[in-house]
Amino acid sequence: MRKITPEDEELVKWAMICHASGLLGLIIPYANMLGPYYILKKKVQEFPEIEVHAKAALNFQITMSIYFTISFVLLLVWIGIFGLILLAVYELIVVLLAVLEAHDLEVYEYPLSRTFVE
């Protein structure tokens, strides 16, 4: 565990926002990718250490968007409702774990995530 200095507080804040912004997708479909993408494009110049967090969060959110889309299509045969509920609960838990890891500036390795952005 890394010792957080007062200078790192801004970095910790952006790392936590990077992961937590994915929860926006539970309210607005496909908005879960906006936060990590914005941080990857705009804040990496200011905080280079945050790039790893942004890429991990963005890859997970892209993966979750694909899973949610598949579950939404499966609503036609009623099994999709279970998929949507399970995915929402799973995303909530995993994102909260990632935010806790980001508080210590540790990079969380999202389970079931695919790599789209390297």
N, C-alpha and C. Protein backbone atom coordinates (compact mmCIF):
# COMPACT_ATOMS: atom_id res chain seq x y z
N MET A 1 0.84 -1.18 0.00
CA MET A 1 0.00 0.00 0.00
C MET A 1 0.88 1.24 0.00
N ARG A 2 0.57 2.15 -0.88
CA ARG A 2 1.36 3.36 -1.05
C ARG A 2 0.91 4.44 -0.08
N LYS A 3 1.86 5.14 0.48
CA LYS A 3 1.56 6.25 1.38
C LYS A 3 1.13 7.45 0.55
N ILE A 4 -0.05 7.98 0.85
CA ILE A 4 -0.61 9.10 0.09
C ILE A 4 -0.15 10.40 0.73
N THR A 5 0.48 11.24 -0.07
CA THR A 5 0.94 12.54 0.40
C THR A 5 -0.12 13.59 0.05
N PRO A 6 -0.06 14.77 0.69
CA PRO A 6 -1.02 15.82 0.35
C PRO A 6 -0.98 16.22 -1.14
N GLU A 7 0.17 16.07 -1.77
CA GLU A 7 0.28 16.39 -3.20
C GLU A 7 -0.48 15.39 -4.06
N ASP A 8 -0.68 14.18 -3.54
CA ASP A 8 -1.36 13.13 -4.29
C ASP A 8 -2.89 13.20 -4.17
N GLU A 9 -3.41 14.11 -3.37
CA GLU A 9 -4.85 14.14 -3.14
C GLU A 9 -5.63 14.38 -4.43
N GLU A 10 -5.15 15.26 -5.29
CA GLU A 10 -5.82 15.53 -6.56
C GLU A 10 -5.77 14.29 -7.46
N LEU A 11 -4.67 13.61 -7.46
CA LEU A 11 -4.53 12.38 -8.24
C LEU A 11 -5.49 11.31 -7.74
N VAL A 12 -5.60 11.16 -6.44
CA VAL A 12 -6.52 10.19 -5.85
C VAL A 12 -7.95 10.54 -6.23
N LYS A 13 -8.29 11.82 -6.18
CA LYS A 13 -9.64 12.25 -6.53
C LYS A 13 -9.99 11.86 -7.96
N TRP A 14 -9.09 12.13 -8.90
CA TRP A 14 -9.37 11.81 -10.31
C TRP A 14 -9.37 10.31 -10.56
N ALA A 15 -8.54 9.57 -9.85
CA ALA A 15 -8.55 8.11 -10.00
C ALA A 15 -9.88 7.53 -9.52
N MET A 16 -10.38 8.05 -8.41
CA MET A 16 -11.66 7.57 -7.89
C MET A 16 -12.82 7.97 -8.81
N ILE A 17 -12.79 9.19 -9.33
CA ILE A 17 -13.83 9.65 -10.25
C ILE A 17 -13.81 8.81 -11.52
N CYS A 18 -12.63 8.46 -11.96
CA CYS A 18 -12.49 7.65 -13.16
C CYS A 18 -13.26 6.34 -13.05
N HIS A 19 -13.13 5.68 -11.93
CA HIS A 19 -13.81 4.41 -11.73
C HIS A 19 -15.30 4.62 -11.41
N ALA A 20 -15.60 5.58 -10.54
CA ALA A 20 -16.98 5.79 -10.10
C ALA A 20 -17.88 6.33 -11.21
N SER A 21 -17.32 7.03 -12.17
CA SER A 21 -18.14 7.59 -13.24
C SER A 21 -18.80 6.52 -14.09
N GLY A 22 -18.32 5.30 -14.02
CA GLY A 22 -18.94 4.20 -14.75
C GLY A 22 -20.34 3.89 -14.26
N LEU A 23 -20.66 4.27 -13.03
CA LEU A 23 -22.00 4.02 -12.51
C LEU A 23 -23.05 4.88 -13.19
N LEU A 24 -22.63 5.90 -13.91
CA LEU A 24 -23.57 6.73 -14.65
C LEU A 24 -24.32 5.90 -15.69
N GLY A 25 -23.71 4.84 -16.17
CA GLY A 25 -24.34 3.97 -17.15
C GLY A 25 -25.54 3.21 -16.59
N LEU A 26 -25.66 3.11 -15.27
CA LEU A 26 -26.84 2.48 -14.69
C LEU A 26 -28.06 3.40 -14.77
N ILE A 27 -27.81 4.68 -15.01
CA ILE A 27 -28.91 5.66 -15.13
C ILE A 27 -29.16 6.02 -16.59
N ILE A 28 -28.09 6.33 -17.31
CA ILE A 28 -28.18 6.70 -18.73
C ILE A 28 -27.40 5.66 -19.54
N PRO A 29 -28.08 4.91 -20.39
CA PRO A 29 -27.37 3.87 -21.16
C PRO A 29 -26.19 4.42 -21.94
N TYR A 30 -25.10 3.71 -21.89
CA TYR A 30 -23.84 3.98 -22.58
C TYR A 30 -23.11 5.25 -22.11
N ALA A 31 -23.60 5.89 -21.07
CA ALA A 31 -22.89 7.04 -20.50
C ALA A 31 -21.76 6.59 -19.59
N ASN A 32 -21.68 5.30 -19.31
CA ASN A 32 -20.66 4.77 -18.42
C ASN A 32 -19.25 4.93 -18.98
N MET A 33 -19.13 5.12 -20.28
CA MET A 33 -17.80 5.23 -20.90
C MET A 33 -17.31 6.68 -20.97
N LEU A 34 -18.18 7.65 -20.72
CA LEU A 34 -17.82 9.05 -20.88
C LEU A 34 -16.78 9.53 -19.87
N GLY A 35 -16.94 9.17 -18.61
CA GLY A 35 -16.01 9.62 -17.57
C GLY A 35 -14.59 9.11 -17.78
N PRO A 36 -14.42 7.80 -17.92
CA PRO A 36 -13.06 7.30 -18.15
C PRO A 36 -12.44 7.83 -19.44
N TYR A 37 -13.26 7.99 -20.48
CA TYR A 37 -12.74 8.50 -21.75
C TYR A 37 -12.29 9.96 -21.60
N TYR A 38 -13.10 10.77 -20.92
CA TYR A 38 -12.73 12.17 -20.70
C TYR A 38 -11.42 12.26 -19.91
N ILE A 39 -11.31 11.49 -18.86
CA ILE A 39 -10.10 11.53 -18.04
C ILE A 39 -8.90 11.05 -18.83
N LEU A 40 -9.09 10.03 -19.66
CA LEU A 40 -8.00 9.52 -20.49
C LEU A 40 -7.53 10.58 -21.48
N LYS A 41 -8.43 11.36 -22.03
CA LYS A 41 -8.06 12.35 -23.05
C LYS A 41 -7.62 13.69 -22.46
N LYS A 42 -8.19 14.09 -21.33
CA LYS A 42 -7.93 15.45 -20.81
C LYS A 42 -7.04 15.51 -19.58
N LYS A 43 -7.08 14.53 -18.72
CA LYS A 43 -6.37 14.63 -17.44
C LYS A 43 -5.05 13.88 -17.41
N VAL A 44 -4.79 13.04 -18.41
CA VAL A 44 -3.54 12.26 -18.41
C VAL A 44 -2.34 13.18 -18.57
N GLN A 45 -2.48 14.29 -19.29
CA GLN A 45 -1.37 15.23 -19.44
C GLN A 45 -0.99 15.84 -18.09
N GLU A 46 -2.00 16.09 -17.26
CA GLU A 46 -1.75 16.68 -15.95
C GLU A 46 -1.29 15.64 -14.93
N PHE A 47 -1.89 14.44 -15.00
CA PHE A 47 -1.57 13.36 -14.08
C PHE A 47 -1.25 12.10 -14.88
N PRO A 48 -0.02 11.87 -15.28
CA PRO A 48 0.31 10.70 -16.10
C PRO A 48 0.02 9.36 -15.40
N GLU A 49 0.06 9.35 -14.07
CA GLU A 49 -0.17 8.11 -13.34
C GLU A 49 -1.60 7.61 -13.47
N ILE A 50 -2.50 8.49 -13.85
CA ILE A 50 -3.91 8.14 -13.92
C ILE A 50 -4.27 7.37 -15.19
N GLU A 51 -3.36 7.32 -16.14
CA GLU A 51 -3.64 6.65 -17.42
C GLU A 51 -4.02 5.18 -17.22
N VAL A 52 -3.34 4.51 -16.33
CA VAL A 52 -3.62 3.09 -16.08
C VAL A 52 -5.03 2.91 -15.53
N HIS A 53 -5.44 3.81 -14.62
CA HIS A 53 -6.79 3.74 -14.06
C HIS A 53 -7.83 3.99 -15.14
N ALA A 54 -7.61 5.00 -15.96
CA ALA A 54 -8.57 5.36 -17.00
C ALA A 54 -8.73 4.23 -18.02
N LYS A 55 -7.63 3.62 -18.42
CA LYS A 55 -7.71 2.52 -19.39
C LYS A 55 -8.41 1.31 -18.81
N ALA A 56 -8.12 0.98 -17.56
CA ALA A 56 -8.77 -0.16 -16.92
C ALA A 56 -10.27 0.08 -16.79
N ALA A 57 -10.65 1.28 -16.36
CA ALA A 57 -12.07 1.60 -16.21
C ALA A 57 -12.77 1.63 -17.56
N LEU A 58 -12.13 2.22 -18.56
CA LEU A 58 -12.74 2.31 -19.89
C LEU A 58 -12.92 0.92 -20.49
N ASN A 59 -11.94 0.06 -20.38
CA ASN A 59 -12.06 -1.31 -20.90
C ASN A 59 -13.20 -2.05 -20.21
N PHE A 60 -13.31 -1.88 -18.89
CA PHE A 60 -14.39 -2.55 -18.17
C PHE A 60 -15.75 -2.01 -18.60
N GLN A 61 -15.84 -0.70 -18.76
CA GLN A 61 -17.13 -0.11 -19.12
C GLN A 61 -17.54 -0.48 -20.55
N ILE A 62 -16.60 -0.59 -21.45
CA ILE A 62 -16.92 -1.05 -22.81
C ILE A 62 -17.42 -2.49 -22.74
N THR A 63 -16.75 -3.32 -21.96
CA THR A 63 -17.16 -4.71 -21.80
C THR A 63 -18.57 -4.78 -21.22
N MET A 64 -18.84 -3.99 -20.19
CA MET A 64 -20.16 -4.01 -19.56
C MET A 64 -21.24 -3.51 -20.53
N SER A 65 -20.91 -2.54 -21.37
CA SER A 65 -21.88 -2.07 -22.36
C SER A 65 -22.24 -3.18 -23.34
N ILE A 66 -21.27 -3.96 -23.73
CA ILE A 66 -21.54 -5.10 -24.62
C ILE A 66 -22.43 -6.12 -23.91
N TYR A 67 -22.12 -6.43 -22.65
CA TYR A 67 -22.93 -7.40 -21.90
C TYR A 67 -24.35 -6.89 -21.70
N PHE A 68 -24.50 -5.59 -21.39
CA PHE A 68 -25.83 -5.01 -21.21
C PHE A 68 -26.62 -5.05 -22.52
N THR A 69 -25.97 -4.78 -23.64
CA THR A 69 -26.64 -4.82 -24.93
C THR A 69 -27.14 -6.23 -25.24
N ILE A 70 -26.32 -7.23 -24.97
CA ILE A 70 -26.73 -8.62 -25.19
C ILE A 70 -27.92 -8.97 -24.30
N SER A 71 -27.87 -8.55 -23.03
CA SER A 71 -28.99 -8.82 -22.12
C SER A 71 -30.25 -8.10 -22.56
N PHE A 72 -30.08 -6.89 -23.08
CA PHE A 72 -31.24 -6.14 -23.55
C PHE A 72 -31.90 -6.85 -24.73
N VAL A 73 -31.09 -7.38 -25.64
CA VAL A 73 -31.63 -8.14 -26.77
C VAL A 73 -32.33 -9.40 -26.26
N LEU A 74 -31.78 -10.02 -25.23
CA LEU A 74 -32.38 -11.23 -24.67
C LEU A 74 -33.69 -10.97 -23.92
N LEU A 75 -34.05 -9.70 -23.76
CA LEU A 75 -35.35 -9.39 -23.17
C LEU A 75 -36.49 -9.94 -24.03
N LEU A 76 -36.21 -10.15 -25.30
CA LEU A 76 -37.22 -10.70 -26.20
C LEU A 76 -37.66 -12.10 -25.78
N VAL A 77 -36.78 -12.82 -25.11
CA VAL A 77 -37.12 -14.16 -24.63
C VAL A 77 -37.18 -14.20 -23.10
N TRP A 78 -37.35 -13.07 -22.48
CA TRP A 78 -37.54 -12.90 -21.04
C TRP A 78 -36.35 -13.25 -20.17
N ILE A 79 -35.35 -13.93 -20.67
CA ILE A 79 -34.20 -14.27 -19.84
C ILE A 79 -33.31 -13.03 -19.63
N GLY A 80 -33.45 -12.05 -20.50
CA GLY A 80 -32.64 -10.85 -20.40
C GLY A 80 -32.85 -10.05 -19.14
N ILE A 81 -34.04 -10.12 -18.55
CA ILE A 81 -34.30 -9.37 -17.32
C ILE A 81 -33.38 -9.84 -16.19
N PHE A 82 -33.14 -11.15 -16.14
CA PHE A 82 -32.22 -11.67 -15.11
C PHE A 82 -30.79 -11.21 -15.39
N GLY A 83 -30.42 -11.20 -16.66
CA GLY A 83 -29.09 -10.72 -17.04
C GLY A 83 -28.89 -9.26 -16.69
N LEU A 84 -29.90 -8.44 -16.96
CA LEU A 84 -29.78 -7.01 -16.65
C LEU A 84 -29.66 -6.77 -15.16
N ILE A 85 -30.44 -7.48 -14.38
CA ILE A 85 -30.38 -7.31 -12.92
C ILE A 85 -29.03 -7.78 -12.38
N LEU A 86 -28.59 -8.96 -12.83
CA LEU A 86 -27.30 -9.48 -12.35
C LEU A 86 -26.14 -8.58 -12.78
N LEU A 87 -26.19 -8.07 -14.01
CA LEU A 87 -25.12 -7.19 -14.48
C LEU A 87 -25.09 -5.88 -13.70
N ALA A 88 -26.25 -5.33 -13.39
CA ALA A 88 -26.30 -4.08 -12.63
C ALA A 88 -25.71 -4.26 -11.23
N VAL A 89 -26.08 -5.35 -10.58
CA VAL A 89 -25.54 -5.62 -9.23
C VAL A 89 -24.04 -5.88 -9.31
N TYR A 90 -23.63 -6.67 -10.30
CA TYR A 90 -22.21 -6.97 -10.48
C TYR A 90 -21.41 -5.69 -10.73
N GLU A 91 -21.91 -4.83 -11.61
CA GLU A 91 -21.18 -3.60 -11.91
C GLU A 91 -21.08 -2.71 -10.68
N LEU A 92 -22.15 -2.60 -9.94
CA LEU A 92 -22.14 -1.78 -8.73
C LEU A 92 -21.08 -2.27 -7.75
N ILE A 93 -21.04 -3.55 -7.50
CA ILE A 93 -20.07 -4.12 -6.56
C ILE A 93 -18.64 -3.94 -7.05
N VAL A 94 -18.40 -4.28 -8.32
CA VAL A 94 -17.04 -4.22 -8.85
C VAL A 94 -16.53 -2.78 -8.92
N VAL A 95 -17.39 -1.85 -9.31
CA VAL A 95 -16.96 -0.45 -9.39
C VAL A 95 -16.65 0.09 -7.99
N LEU A 96 -17.45 -0.28 -7.01
CA LEU A 96 -17.15 0.17 -5.64
C LEU A 96 -15.82 -0.39 -5.14
N LEU A 97 -15.53 -1.65 -5.48
CA LEU A 97 -14.22 -2.21 -5.12
C LEU A 97 -13.09 -1.46 -5.83
N ALA A 98 -13.31 -1.09 -7.09
CA ALA A 98 -12.29 -0.35 -7.84
C ALA A 98 -12.06 1.04 -7.24
N VAL A 99 -13.13 1.68 -6.79
CA VAL A 99 -13.00 3.00 -6.17
C VAL A 99 -12.20 2.89 -4.87
N LEU A 100 -12.45 1.85 -4.10
CA LEU A 100 -11.69 1.66 -2.87
C LEU A 100 -10.20 1.42 -3.15
N GLU A 101 -9.92 0.65 -4.19
CA GLU A 101 -8.52 0.43 -4.58
C GLU A 101 -7.89 1.74 -5.08
N ALA A 102 -8.65 2.53 -5.83
CA ALA A 102 -8.12 3.78 -6.36
C ALA A 102 -7.83 4.78 -5.24
N HIS A 103 -8.55 4.67 -4.14
CA HIS A 103 -8.28 5.55 -3.00
C HIS A 103 -6.86 5.37 -2.49
N ASP A 104 -6.33 4.15 -2.61
CA ASP A 104 -4.95 3.86 -2.21
C ASP A 104 -3.99 3.93 -3.39
N LEU A 105 -4.48 4.42 -4.54
CA LEU A 105 -3.72 4.52 -5.79
C LEU A 105 -3.26 3.16 -6.29
N GLU A 106 -4.02 2.13 -5.97
CA GLU A 106 -3.79 0.80 -6.50
C GLU A 106 -4.67 0.63 -7.73
N VAL A 107 -4.16 -0.04 -8.74
CA VAL A 107 -4.94 -0.27 -9.95
C VAL A 107 -5.74 -1.56 -9.79
N TYR A 108 -7.04 -1.46 -9.95
CA TYR A 108 -7.92 -2.61 -9.80
C TYR A 108 -8.00 -3.36 -11.12
N GLU A 109 -7.82 -4.66 -11.05
CA GLU A 109 -7.96 -5.50 -12.25
C GLU A 109 -9.38 -6.03 -12.28
N TYR A 110 -10.18 -5.46 -13.17
CA TYR A 110 -11.58 -5.83 -13.26
C TYR A 110 -11.74 -7.27 -13.75
N PRO A 111 -12.54 -8.08 -13.03
CA PRO A 111 -12.81 -9.42 -13.52
C PRO A 111 -13.79 -9.38 -14.70
N LEU A 112 -13.67 -10.32 -15.60
CA LEU A 112 -14.52 -10.45 -16.78
C LEU A 112 -14.37 -9.30 -17.77
N SER A 113 -13.34 -8.51 -17.62
CA SER A 113 -13.12 -7.36 -18.51
C SER A 113 -12.25 -7.78 -19.69
N ARG A 114 -12.57 -7.26 -20.85
CA ARG A 114 -11.77 -7.48 -22.05
C ARG A 114 -10.95 -6.23 -22.33
N THR A 115 -9.85 -6.38 -23.08
CA THR A 115 -8.99 -5.25 -23.38
C THR A 115 -9.33 -4.71 -24.78
N PHE A 116 -9.80 -3.47 -24.80
CA PHE A 116 -10.07 -2.78 -26.05
C PHE A 116 -9.10 -1.62 -26.25
N VAL A 117 -8.75 -0.94 -25.15
CA VAL A 117 -7.86 0.21 -25.19
C VAL A 117 -6.58 -0.18 -24.47
N GLU A 118 -5.45 -0.07 -25.17
CA GLU A 118 -4.17 -0.43 -24.53
C GLU A 118 -3.32 0.77 -24.29
